[in-house]
């Protein structure tokens, strides 16, 4: 089902085409900027801003797990994450607040072929996103990732997943510190 924003953008595209055919293209450029500005200024769009930045990510034992670059893109509407370990593993995510559904959405992809779709919201100052995918063996794996901003400016990312028996285990525990 299309979201309100996608319908607005479709209508804007149609209006732009019509205006261009009538020689009114300049007027529609301002309209396009207004739709984007309105869609991306919802207060909830800033709930994940604590994660923005250039980061080093360390495991609980202090070892460098990787680096992460997290920036706002697409007129400030999307948070784009780029993660690399420097040891051959890398991935990225696109994150957006879906205003009509009042939910954060993350699409994660990596160079191992993983696609992970997560959704959730800010809960008690922590961003909590959940989703599921299939293990190679065919059973469903549940995922819950929690990002917690710390008073010193660091961020803890705790990724929990279910094992083959459905028991929650820690898949990754990382501390983000600014570069």
C-alpha atoms as a PDB file:
ATOM      1  CA  UNK A   1       0.000   0.000   0.000  1.00  0.00           C
ATOM      2  CA  UNK A   2       1.506   3.383  -0.928  1.00  0.00           C
ATOM      3  CA  UNK A   3       2.328   5.810   1.843  1.00  0.00           C
ATOM      4  CA  UNK A   4       1.003   9.354   1.957  1.00  0.00           C
ATOM      5  CA  UNK A   5       4.480  10.619   1.055  1.00  0.00           C
ATOM      6  CA  UNK A   6       4.720   8.362  -2.019  1.00  0.00           C
ATOM      7  CA  UNK A   7       1.268   9.501  -3.169  1.00  0.00           C
ATOM      8  CA  UNK A   8       2.302  13.132  -2.634  1.00  0.00           C
ATOM      9  CA  UNK A   9       5.448  12.580  -4.689  1.00  0.00           C
ATOM     10  CA  UNK A  10       3.490  10.839  -7.457  1.00  0.00           C
ATOM     11  CA  UNK A  11       1.030  13.734  -7.612  1.00  0.00           C
ATOM     12  CA  UNK A  12       3.909  16.203  -7.571  1.00  0.00           C
ATOM     13  CA  UNK A  13       5.520  14.365 -10.495  1.00  0.00           C
ATOM     14  CA  UNK A  14       2.297  14.509 -12.462  1.00  0.00           C
ATOM     15  CA  UNK A  15       1.883  18.204 -11.658  1.00  0.00           C
ATOM     16  CA  UNK A  16       5.491  18.873 -12.675  1.00  0.00           C
ATOM     17  CA  UNK A  17       4.984  17.111 -16.011  1.00  0.00           C
ATOM     18  CA  UNK A  18       1.788  19.015 -16.684  1.00  0.00           C
ATOM     19  CA  UNK A  19       3.337  22.337 -15.678  1.00  0.00           C
ATOM     20  CA  UNK A  20       6.398  21.672 -17.839  1.00  0.00           C
ATOM     21  CA  UNK A  21       4.178  20.982 -20.837  1.00  0.00           C
ATOM     22  CA  UNK A  22       2.421  24.300 -20.147  1.00  0.00           C
ATOM     23  CA  UNK A  23       5.704  26.175 -19.662  1.00  0.00           C
ATOM     24  CA  UNK A  24       5.349  26.568 -15.890  1.00  0.00           C
ATOM     25  CA  UNK A  25       8.309  24.444 -14.738  1.00  0.00           C
ATOM     26  CA  UNK A  26       9.754  27.150 -12.461  1.00  0.00           C
ATOM     27  CA  UNK A  27       6.615  27.231 -10.346  1.00  0.00           C
ATOM     28  CA  UNK A  28       6.677  23.478  -9.744  1.00  0.00           C
ATOM     29  CA  UNK A  29      10.284  23.446  -8.558  1.00  0.00           C
ATOM     30  CA  UNK A  30       9.212  25.478  -5.529  1.00  0.00           C
ATOM     31  CA  UNK A  31       6.315  23.090  -4.961  1.00  0.00           C
ATOM     32  CA  UNK A  32       8.685  20.107  -5.033  1.00  0.00           C
ATOM     33  CA  UNK A  33      10.879  21.717  -2.391  1.00  0.00           C
ATOM     34  CA  UNK A  34       7.831  22.378  -0.210  1.00  0.00           C
ATOM     35  CA  UNK A  35       6.641  18.744  -0.319  1.00  0.00           C
ATOM     36  CA  UNK A  36      10.107  17.471   0.646  1.00  0.00           C
ATOM     37  CA  UNK A  37      10.468  20.070   3.390  1.00  0.00           C
ATOM     38  CA  UNK A  38       7.068  19.254   4.888  1.00  0.00           C
ATOM     39  CA  UNK A  39       7.629  15.494   4.777  1.00  0.00           C
ATOM     40  CA  UNK A  40      11.063  15.640   6.403  1.00  0.00           C
ATOM     41  CA  UNK A  41      10.454  18.160   9.175  1.00  0.00           C
ATOM     42  CA  UNK A  42       8.275  15.951  11.374  1.00  0.00           C
ATOM     43  CA  UNK A  43       9.818  16.037  14.889  1.00  0.00           C
ATOM     44  CA  UNK A  44      10.166  12.242  14.969  1.00  0.00           C
ATOM     45  CA  UNK A  45      12.537  12.471  11.972  1.00  0.00           C
ATOM     46  CA  UNK A  46      15.195  13.696  14.447  1.00  0.00           C
ATOM     47  CA  UNK A  47      14.844  10.867  16.998  1.00  0.00           C
ATOM     48  CA  UNK A  48      17.766   8.910  15.531  1.00  0.00           C
ATOM     49  CA  UNK A  49      20.090  11.914  15.132  1.00  0.00           C
ATOM     50  CA  UNK A  50      22.179  10.736  18.100  1.00  0.00           C
ATOM     51  CA  UNK A  51      23.546   8.045  15.761  1.00  0.00           C
ATOM     52  CA  UNK A  52      24.826  10.503  13.120  1.00  0.00           C
ATOM     53  CA  UNK A  53      28.562  10.880  12.781  1.00  0.00           C
ATOM     54  CA  UNK A  54      31.873   9.263  11.966  1.00  0.00           C
ATOM     55  CA  UNK A  55      32.458   6.397  14.372  1.00  0.00           C
ATOM     56  CA  UNK A  56      34.868   3.736  15.505  1.00  0.00           C
ATOM     57  CA  UNK A  57      33.028   0.657  16.755  1.00  0.00           C
ATOM     58  CA  UNK A  58      34.564  -1.509  19.477  1.00  0.00           C
ATOM     59  CA  UNK A  59      33.496  -4.841  20.949  1.00  0.00           C
ATOM     60  CA  UNK A  60      33.069  -5.186  24.739  1.00  0.00           C
ATOM     61  CA  UNK A  61      36.661  -6.456  25.037  1.00  0.00           C
ATOM     62  CA  UNK A  62      37.921  -3.231  23.418  1.00  0.00           C
ATOM     63  CA  UNK A  63      38.810  -4.641  19.990  1.00  0.00           C
ATOM     64  CA  UNK A  64      38.067  -2.525  16.929  1.00  0.00           C
ATOM     65  CA  UNK A  65      35.093  -4.141  15.169  1.00  0.00           C
ATOM     66  CA  UNK A  66      34.945  -1.580  12.365  1.00  0.00           C
ATOM     67  CA  UNK A  67      34.122   1.952  11.368  1.00  0.00           C
ATOM     68  CA  UNK A  68      30.774   3.478  10.585  1.00  0.00           C
ATOM     69  CA  UNK A  69      29.820   6.625   8.716  1.00  0.00           C
ATOM     70  CA  UNK A  70      26.251   7.739   9.342  1.00  0.00           C
ATOM     71  CA  UNK A  71      24.884  10.791   7.527  1.00  0.00           C
ATOM     72  CA  UNK A  72      21.610  12.415   6.588  1.00  0.00           C
ATOM     73  CA  UNK A  73      20.950  12.329   2.851  1.00  0.00           C
ATOM     74  CA  UNK A  74      18.124  12.944   0.399  1.00  0.00           C
ATOM     75  CA  UNK A  75      17.258  16.416   1.665  1.00  0.00           C
ATOM     76  CA  UNK A  76      17.592  15.228   5.260  1.00  0.00           C
ATOM     77  CA  UNK A  77      14.889  12.579   4.929  1.00  0.00           C
ATOM     78  CA  UNK A  78      17.135   9.488   5.070  1.00  0.00           C
ATOM     79  CA  UNK A  79      19.854   8.348   7.455  1.00  0.00           C
ATOM     80  CA  UNK A  80      22.467   6.451   5.433  1.00  0.00           C
ATOM     81  CA  UNK A  81      24.838   4.132   7.288  1.00  0.00           C
ATOM     82  CA  UNK A  82      28.040   2.725   5.762  1.00  0.00           C
ATOM     83  CA  UNK A  83      29.859   0.120   7.867  1.00  0.00           C
ATOM     84  CA  UNK A  84      33.154  -1.643   7.185  1.00  0.00           C
ATOM     85  CA  UNK A  85      35.411  -3.875   9.229  1.00  0.00           C
ATOM     86  CA  UNK A  86      38.512  -3.341   7.118  1.00  0.00           C
ATOM     87  CA  UNK A  87      38.752  -7.143   7.002  1.00  0.00           C
ATOM     88  CA  UNK A  88      36.488  -7.757   4.022  1.00  0.00           C
ATOM     89  CA  UNK A  89      33.032  -7.331   5.538  1.00  0.00           C
ATOM     90  CA  UNK A  90      30.946  -4.263   4.750  1.00  0.00           C
ATOM     91  CA  UNK A  91      27.336  -3.225   4.558  1.00  0.00           C
ATOM     92  CA  UNK A  92      24.998  -0.288   4.658  1.00  0.00           C
ATOM     93  CA  UNK A  93      21.546   0.696   5.740  1.00  0.00           C
ATOM     94  CA  UNK A  94      18.934   3.243   4.792  1.00  0.00           C
ATOM     95  CA  UNK A  95      16.791   4.489   7.662  1.00  0.00           C
ATOM     96  CA  UNK A  96      13.666   6.619   7.495  1.00  0.00           C
ATOM     97  CA  UNK A  97      10.805   7.609   9.733  1.00  0.00           C
ATOM     98  CA  UNK A  98       7.530   6.625   8.072  1.00  0.00           C
ATOM     99  CA  UNK A  99       5.335   9.518   9.218  1.00  0.00           C
ATOM    100  CA  UNK A 100       1.908   8.037   8.341  1.00  0.00           C
ATOM    101  CA  UNK A 101       2.658   4.744  10.139  1.00  0.00           C
ATOM    102  CA  UNK A 102       4.643   6.429  12.959  1.00  0.00           C
ATOM    103  CA  UNK A 103       7.462   3.899  12.695  1.00  0.00           C
ATOM    104  CA  UNK A 104      11.181   3.880  11.921  1.00  0.00           C
ATOM    105  CA  UNK A 105      12.245   1.586   9.085  1.00  0.00           C
ATOM    106  CA  UNK A 106      15.746   0.251   8.321  1.00  0.00           C
ATOM    107  CA  UNK A 107      16.839  -1.726   5.260  1.00  0.00           C
ATOM    108  CA  UNK A 108      20.263  -3.350   5.820  1.00  0.00           C
ATOM    109  CA  UNK A 109      22.286  -5.008   3.041  1.00  0.00           C
ATOM    110  CA  UNK A 110      25.832  -6.335   3.082  1.00  0.00           C
ATOM    111  CA  UNK A 111      28.463  -8.056   0.982  1.00  0.00           C
ATOM    112  CA  UNK A 112      27.452 -11.485   2.309  1.00  0.00           C
ATOM    113  CA  UNK A 113      24.066 -11.194   0.609  1.00  0.00           C
ATOM    114  CA  UNK A 114      22.109 -10.378   3.755  1.00  0.00           C
ATOM    115  CA  UNK A 115      18.930  -8.343   3.527  1.00  0.00           C
ATOM    116  CA  UNK A 116      17.467  -7.382   6.886  1.00  0.00           C
ATOM    117  CA  UNK A 117      14.336  -5.261   7.209  1.00  0.00           C
ATOM    118  CA  UNK A 118      13.724  -3.773  10.640  1.00  0.00           C
ATOM    119  CA  UNK A 119      11.043  -1.522  12.075  1.00  0.00           C
ATOM    120  CA  UNK A 120      10.399   0.063  15.434  1.00  0.00           C
ATOM    121  CA  UNK A 121      10.468   3.250  17.405  1.00  0.00           C
ATOM    122  CA  UNK A 122      12.164   5.253  20.106  1.00  0.00           C
ATOM    123  CA  UNK A 123      11.449   3.625  23.488  1.00  0.00           C
ATOM    124  CA  UNK A 124      12.623   5.278  26.708  1.00  0.00           C
ATOM    125  CA  UNK A 125      15.343   7.187  24.852  1.00  0.00           C
ATOM    126  CA  UNK A 126      16.581   4.083  22.986  1.00  0.00           C
ATOM    127  CA  UNK A 127      15.957   3.261  19.329  1.00  0.00           C
ATOM    128  CA  UNK A 128      14.616  -0.296  19.124  1.00  0.00           C
ATOM    129  CA  UNK A 129      14.109  -1.900  15.702  1.00  0.00           C
ATOM    130  CA  UNK A 130      12.938  -5.464  15.121  1.00  0.00           C
ATOM    131  CA  UNK A 131      12.590  -7.791  12.159  1.00  0.00           C
ATOM    132  CA  UNK A 132      13.089 -11.324  10.950  1.00  0.00           C
ATOM    133  CA  UNK A 133      14.680 -13.339   8.184  1.00  0.00           C
ATOM    134  CA  UNK A 134      15.282 -16.970   7.309  1.00  0.00           C
ATOM    135  CA  UNK A 135      18.367 -18.934   8.280  1.00  0.00           C
ATOM    136  CA  UNK A 136      20.012 -21.035   5.536  1.00  0.00           C
ATOM    137  CA  UNK A 137      18.511 -24.067   7.295  1.00  0.00           C
ATOM    138  CA  UNK A 138      15.026 -22.593   6.800  1.00  0.00           C
ATOM    139  CA  UNK A 139      14.004 -21.567  10.320  1.00  0.00           C
ATOM    140  CA  UNK A 140      12.951 -18.017  11.134  1.00  0.00           C
ATOM    141  CA  UNK A 141      15.419 -15.822  12.996  1.00  0.00           C
ATOM    142  CA  UNK A 142      14.042 -12.886  14.985  1.00  0.00           C
ATOM    143  CA  UNK A 143      16.229  -9.800  15.348  1.00  0.00           C
ATOM    144  CA  UNK A 144      16.108  -6.909  17.800  1.00  0.00           C
ATOM    145  CA  UNK A 145      18.663  -4.119  17.590  1.00  0.00           C
ATOM    146  CA  UNK A 146      18.796  -1.438  20.278  1.00  0.00           C
ATOM    147  CA  UNK A 147      20.822   1.772  19.975  1.00  0.00           C
ATOM    148  CA  UNK A 148      21.383   3.541  23.288  1.00  0.00           C
ATOM    149  CA  UNK A 149      22.888   7.048  23.410  1.00  0.00           C
ATOM    150  CA  UNK A 150      25.272   7.463  26.344  1.00  0.00           C
ATOM    151  CA  UNK A 151      25.914  10.653  28.345  1.00  0.00           C
ATOM    152  CA  UNK A 152      29.515  10.847  27.037  1.00  0.00           C
ATOM    153  CA  UNK A 153      28.345  10.988  23.387  1.00  0.00           C
ATOM    154  CA  UNK A 154      29.013   7.341  22.609  1.00  0.00           C
ATOM    155  CA  UNK A 155      26.292   4.967  21.408  1.00  0.00           C
ATOM    156  CA  UNK A 156      25.847   1.294  22.304  1.00  0.00           C
ATOM    157  CA  UNK A 157      24.406  -0.997  19.644  1.00  0.00           C
ATOM    158  CA  UNK A 158      23.101  -4.290  20.989  1.00  0.00           C
ATOM    159  CA  UNK A 159      21.953  -6.780  18.337  1.00  0.00           C
ATOM    160  CA  UNK A 160      20.046  -9.764  19.677  1.00  0.00           C
ATOM    161  CA  UNK A 161      18.809 -12.676  17.550  1.00  0.00           C
ATOM    162  CA  UNK A 162      17.091 -15.969  18.174  1.00  0.00           C
ATOM    163  CA  UNK A 163      18.973 -19.210  17.617  1.00  0.00           C
ATOM    164  CA  UNK A 164      17.577 -22.388  16.053  1.00  0.00           C
ATOM    165  CA  UNK A 165      15.751 -23.161  19.320  1.00  0.00           C
ATOM    166  CA  UNK A 166      14.216 -19.671  19.541  1.00  0.00           C
ATOM    167  CA  UNK A 167      16.458 -18.548  22.407  1.00  0.00           C
ATOM    168  CA  UNK A 168      17.642 -14.926  22.340  1.00  0.00           C
ATOM    169  CA  UNK A 169      21.433 -14.566  22.017  1.00  0.00           C
ATOM    170  CA  UNK A 170      23.705 -11.573  21.476  1.00  0.00           C
ATOM    171  CA  UNK A 171      24.707 -11.386  17.829  1.00  0.00           C
ATOM    172  CA  UNK A 172      26.740  -8.171  18.204  1.00  0.00           C
ATOM    173  CA  UNK A 173      27.523  -5.726  20.981  1.00  0.00           C
ATOM    174  CA  UNK A 174      29.312  -2.590  19.836  1.00  0.00           C
ATOM    175  CA  UNK A 175      30.284   0.716  21.382  1.00  0.00           C
ATOM    176  CA  UNK A 176      30.364   3.637  18.944  1.00  0.00           C
ATOM    177  CA  UNK A 177      32.840   6.396  19.757  1.00  0.00           C
ATOM    178  CA  UNK A 178      33.429   9.468  17.610  1.00  0.00           C
ATOM    179  CA  UNK A 179      36.531   9.403  15.412  1.00  0.00           C
END
